[in-house]
Amino acid sequence: VWLAGQELYKTERVALLLRGASLDEETKCNLLDLNTLKKPNALLLGEKIDGGKLQGNSFLEDICRKKRASMYIHASSTQKKPRNLAFGRLFNEKILDHFEFKITRSSRNESNNHTSVRKF
């Protein structure tokens, strides 16, 4: 929200979608579904983000500041945390919240064929 003159403008929250270094097909499809739901306010990065970079907050804060995003979603699937989605919000370019969810069951919409939409 910002003020210009006497008019109040409200900007949409842009979500940054990050792909982990190891990702299975189901988690990849879930990330693409989230991208479809959030469009046009979603930015899907094609590069793979290693989990080691996410240990500190500075990497996420820097990349969200560069892309002007106020929230992020990181999808990964490792042996320790299979099919994991991490959601986070930022306030004043600092991480405010961070939640991790495990995907136990998901259903796909057959009309959305993600293999032809975009390759990472």
Foldseek 3Di string as FASTA:
>chain_A
DDDDDHDDDDDDAAEEEAEAPAADPVLVVVSVVVVVVCPPRYDYDPDHDYPVVVPDQPVVLVVCVVVVHQKYWYFHADPVQGGKIKIWGHDPSGTDDIDMDHDDDDDDDVVDDPVVVDDD
